[in-house]
Amino acid sequence: MKLNYSVKPNAQSQACLSYVMAKNSLMKLNYFVRQLILQQVKV
């Protein structure tokens, strides 16, 4: 029994991976900016 339904073309999985990486880094950046703004408001 082969589990080949989860295998994607390399380019597609590569694009998906880069999309996820970009999304994660964007969320981190957004969080960082929000913290920075909150600190500015407190001061």
PDB file of N, CA and C in Angstrom:
ATOM      1  N   MET A   1       0.842  -1.198   0.000  1.00  0.00           N
ATOM      2  CA  MET A   1       0.000   0.000   0.000  1.00  0.00           C
ATOM      3  C   MET A   1       0.877   1.248   0.000  1.00  0.00           C
ATOM      4  N   LYS A   2       0.760   2.029  -1.056  1.00  0.00           N
ATOM      5  CA  LYS A   2       1.562   3.244  -1.164  1.00  0.00           C
ATOM      6  C   LYS A   2       0.744   4.454  -0.741  1.00  0.00           C
ATOM      7  N   LEU A   3       1.404   5.353  -0.051  1.00  0.00           N
ATOM      8  CA  LEU A   3       0.750   6.605   0.331  1.00  0.00           C
ATOM      9  C   LEU A   3       1.307   7.707  -0.555  1.00  0.00           C
ATOM     10  N   ASN A   4       0.888   7.717  -1.795  1.00  0.00           N
ATOM     11  CA  ASN A   4       1.440   8.687  -2.734  1.00  0.00           C
ATOM     12  C   ASN A   4       0.487   9.850  -2.978  1.00  0.00           C
ATOM     13  N   TYR A   5      -0.648   9.887  -2.286  1.00  0.00           N
ATOM     14  CA  TYR A   5      -1.598  10.970  -2.499  1.00  0.00           C
ATOM     15  C   TYR A   5      -1.110  12.266  -1.842  1.00  0.00           C
ATOM     16  N   SER A   6      -0.204  12.153  -0.865  1.00  0.00           N
ATOM     17  CA  SER A   6       0.290  13.343  -0.183  1.00  0.00           C
ATOM     18  C   SER A   6       1.519  13.942  -0.870  1.00  0.00           C
ATOM     19  N   VAL A   7       2.014  13.259  -1.903  1.00  0.00           N
ATOM     20  CA  VAL A   7       3.194  13.757  -2.606  1.00  0.00           C
ATOM     21  C   VAL A   7       2.780  14.851  -3.575  1.00  0.00           C
ATOM     22  N   LYS A   8       3.436  15.998  -3.448  1.00  0.00           N
ATOM     23  CA  LYS A   8       3.156  17.122  -4.341  1.00  0.00           C
ATOM     24  C   LYS A   8       4.333  17.316  -5.275  1.00  0.00           C
ATOM     25  N   PRO A   9       4.117  17.994  -6.375  1.00  0.00           N
ATOM     26  CA  PRO A   9       5.254  18.414  -7.208  1.00  0.00           C
ATOM     27  C   PRO A   9       6.175  19.317  -6.395  1.00  0.00           C
ATOM     28  N   ASN A  10       7.464  19.240  -6.670  1.00  0.00           N
ATOM     29  CA  ASN A  10       8.447  19.948  -5.864  1.00  0.00           C
ATOM     30  C   ASN A  10       8.215  21.453  -5.888  1.00  0.00           C
ATOM     31  N   ALA A  11       7.915  22.000  -7.053  1.00  0.00           N
ATOM     32  CA  ALA A  11       7.715  23.442  -7.179  1.00  0.00           C
ATOM     33  C   ALA A  11       6.522  23.891  -6.344  1.00  0.00           C
ATOM     34  N   GLN A  12       5.470  23.099  -6.340  1.00  0.00           N
ATOM     35  CA  GLN A  12       4.265  23.472  -5.594  1.00  0.00           C
ATOM     36  C   GLN A  12       4.539  23.456  -4.095  1.00  0.00           C
ATOM     37  N   SER A  13       5.199  22.420  -3.617  1.00  0.00           N
ATOM     38  CA  SER A  13       5.488  22.341  -2.187  1.00  0.00           C
ATOM     39  C   SER A  13       6.467  23.440  -1.788  1.00  0.00           C
ATOM     40  N   GLN A  14       7.394  23.773  -2.689  1.00  0.00           N
ATOM     41  CA  GLN A  14       8.357  24.839  -2.430  1.00  0.00           C
ATOM     42  C   GLN A  14       7.633  26.181  -2.294  1.00  0.00           C
ATOM     43  N   ALA A  15       6.668  26.424  -3.191  1.00  0.00           N
ATOM     44  CA  ALA A  15       5.894  27.664  -3.145  1.00  0.00           C
ATOM     45  C   ALA A  15       5.052  27.711  -1.880  1.00  0.00           C
ATOM     46  N   CYS A  16       4.478  26.589  -1.515  1.00  0.00           N
ATOM     47  CA  CYS A  16       3.654  26.518  -0.310  1.00  0.00           C
ATOM     48  C   CYS A  16       4.511  26.798   0.915  1.00  0.00           C
ATOM     49  N   LEU A  17       5.711  26.239   0.941  1.00  0.00           N
ATOM     50  CA  LEU A  17       6.621  26.437   2.060  1.00  0.00           C
ATOM     51  C   LEU A  17       7.023  27.895   2.175  1.00  0.00           C
ATOM     52  N   SER A  18       7.358  28.516   1.055  1.00  0.00           N
ATOM     53  CA  SER A  18       7.768  29.920   1.089  1.00  0.00           C
ATOM     54  C   SER A  18       6.599  30.807   1.505  1.00  0.00           C
ATOM     55  N   TYR A  19       5.373  30.423   1.107  1.00  0.00           N
ATOM     56  CA  TYR A  19       4.181  31.178   1.509  1.00  0.00           C
ATOM     57  C   TYR A  19       4.002  31.112   3.024  1.00  0.00           C
ATOM     58  N   VAL A  20       4.160  29.915   3.578  1.00  0.00           N
ATOM     59  CA  VAL A  20       4.015  29.735   5.023  1.00  0.00           C
ATOM     60  C   VAL A  20       5.099  30.507   5.769  1.00  0.00           C
ATOM     61  N   MET A  21       6.328  30.458   5.261  1.00  0.00           N
ATOM     62  CA  MET A  21       7.438  31.175   5.883  1.00  0.00           C
ATOM     63  C   MET A  21       7.170  32.672   5.869  1.00  0.00           C
ATOM     64  N   ALA A  22       6.704  33.175   4.726  1.00  0.00           N
ATOM     65  CA  ALA A  22       6.421  34.601   4.592  1.00  0.00           C
ATOM     66  C   ALA A  22       5.294  35.015   5.530  1.00  0.00           C
ATOM     67  N   LYS A  23       4.281  34.165   5.636  1.00  0.00           N
ATOM     68  CA  LYS A  23       3.151  34.461   6.508  1.00  0.00           C
ATOM     69  C   LYS A  23       3.615  34.513   7.963  1.00  0.00           C
ATOM     70  N   ASN A  24       4.451  33.556   8.363  1.00  0.00           N
ATOM     71  CA  ASN A  24       4.949  33.532   9.733  1.00  0.00           C
ATOM     72  C   ASN A  24       5.809  34.750  10.041  1.00  0.00           C
ATOM     73  N   SER A  25       6.698  35.105   9.116  1.00  0.00           N
ATOM     74  CA  SER A  25       7.565  36.253   9.350  1.00  0.00           C
ATOM     75  C   SER A  25       6.751  37.537   9.386  1.00  0.00           C
ATOM     76  N   LEU A  26       5.697  37.598   8.576  1.00  0.00           N
ATOM     77  CA  LEU A  26       4.838  38.775   8.567  1.00  0.00           C
ATOM     78  C   LEU A  26       4.099  38.904   9.895  1.00  0.00           C
ATOM     79  N   MET A  27       3.641  37.783  10.437  1.00  0.00           N
ATOM     80  CA  MET A  27       2.955  37.803  11.724  1.00  0.00           C
ATOM     81  C   MET A  27       3.906  38.250  12.832  1.00  0.00           C
ATOM     82  N   LYS A  28       5.151  37.775  12.783  1.00  0.00           N
ATOM     83  CA  LYS A  28       6.142  38.179  13.778  1.00  0.00           C
ATOM     84  C   LYS A  28       6.432  39.663  13.668  1.00  0.00           C
ATOM     85  N   LEU A  29       6.566  40.143  12.433  1.00  0.00           N
ATOM     86  CA  LEU A  29       6.838  41.554  12.214  1.00  0.00           C
ATOM     87  C   LEU A  29       5.678  42.401  12.710  1.00  0.00           C
ATOM     88  N   ASN A  30       4.463  41.958  12.431  1.00  0.00           N
ATOM     89  CA  ASN A  30       3.262  42.663  12.862  1.00  0.00           C
ATOM     90  C   ASN A  30       3.219  42.737  14.386  1.00  0.00           C
ATOM     91  N   TYR A  31       3.538  41.641  15.044  1.00  0.00           N
ATOM     92  CA  TYR A  31       3.569  41.596  16.505  1.00  0.00           C
ATOM     93  C   TYR A  31       4.618  42.555  17.055  1.00  0.00           C
ATOM     94  N   PHE A  32       5.786  42.554  16.430  1.00  0.00           N
ATOM     95  CA  PHE A  32       6.881  43.415  16.862  1.00  0.00           C
ATOM     96  C   PHE A  32       6.504  44.889  16.730  1.00  0.00           C
ATOM     97  N   VAL A  33       5.906  45.246  15.618  1.00  0.00           N
ATOM     98  CA  VAL A  33       5.486  46.631  15.376  1.00  0.00           C
ATOM     99  C   VAL A  33       4.419  47.051  16.379  1.00  0.00           C
ATOM    100  N   ARG A  34       3.490  46.147  16.658  1.00  0.00           N
ATOM    101  CA  ARG A  34       2.430  46.449  17.614  1.00  0.00           C
ATOM    102  C   ARG A  34       3.016  46.698  19.007  1.00  0.00           C
ATOM    103  N   GLN A  35       3.986  45.875  19.419  1.00  0.00           N
ATOM    104  CA  GLN A  35       4.642  46.068  20.712  1.00  0.00           C
ATOM    105  C   GLN A  35       5.369  47.406  20.750  1.00  0.00           C
ATOM    106  N   LEU A  36       6.016  47.751  19.650  1.00  0.00           N
ATOM    107  CA  LEU A  36       6.754  49.000  19.556  1.00  0.00           C
ATOM    108  C   LEU A  36       5.812  50.185  19.698  1.00  0.00           C
ATOM    109  N   ILE A  37       4.675  50.127  19.036  1.00  0.00           N
ATOM    110  CA  ILE A  37       3.683  51.204  19.114  1.00  0.00           C
ATOM    111  C   ILE A  37       3.120  51.310  20.529  1.00  0.00           C
ATOM    112  N   LEU A  38       2.852  50.182  21.157  1.00  0.00           N
ATOM    113  CA  LEU A  38       2.331  50.210  22.526  1.00  0.00           C
ATOM    114  C   LEU A  38       3.338  50.851  23.472  1.00  0.00           C
ATOM    115  N   GLN A  39       4.621  50.571  23.276  1.00  0.00           N
ATOM    116  CA  GLN A  39       5.661  51.178  24.120  1.00  0.00           C
ATOM    117  C   GLN A  39       5.712  52.680  23.894  1.00  0.00           C
ATOM    118  N   GLN A  40       5.563  53.107  22.654  1.00  0.00           N
ATOM    119  CA  GLN A  40       5.584  54.535  22.341  1.00  0.00           C
ATOM    120  C   GLN A  40       4.420  55.247  23.003  1.00  0.00           C
ATOM    121  N   VAL A  41       3.254  54.600  23.016  1.00  0.00           N
ATOM    122  CA  VAL A  41       2.054  55.197  23.599  1.00  0.00           C
ATOM    123  C   VAL A  41       2.211  55.335  25.114  1.00  0.00           C
ATOM    124  N   LYS A  42       2.819  54.343  25.746  1.00  0.00           N
ATOM    125  CA  LYS A  42       3.016  54.386  27.206  1.00  0.00           C
ATOM    126  C   LYS A  42       3.921  55.553  27.594  1.00  0.00           C
ATOM    127  N   VAL A  43       4.930  55.820  26.778  1.00  0.00           N
ATOM    128  CA  VAL A  43       5.873  56.907  27.069  1.00  0.00           C
ATOM    129  C   VAL A  43       5.252  58.222  26.639  1.00  0.00           C
TER     130      VAL A  43
END
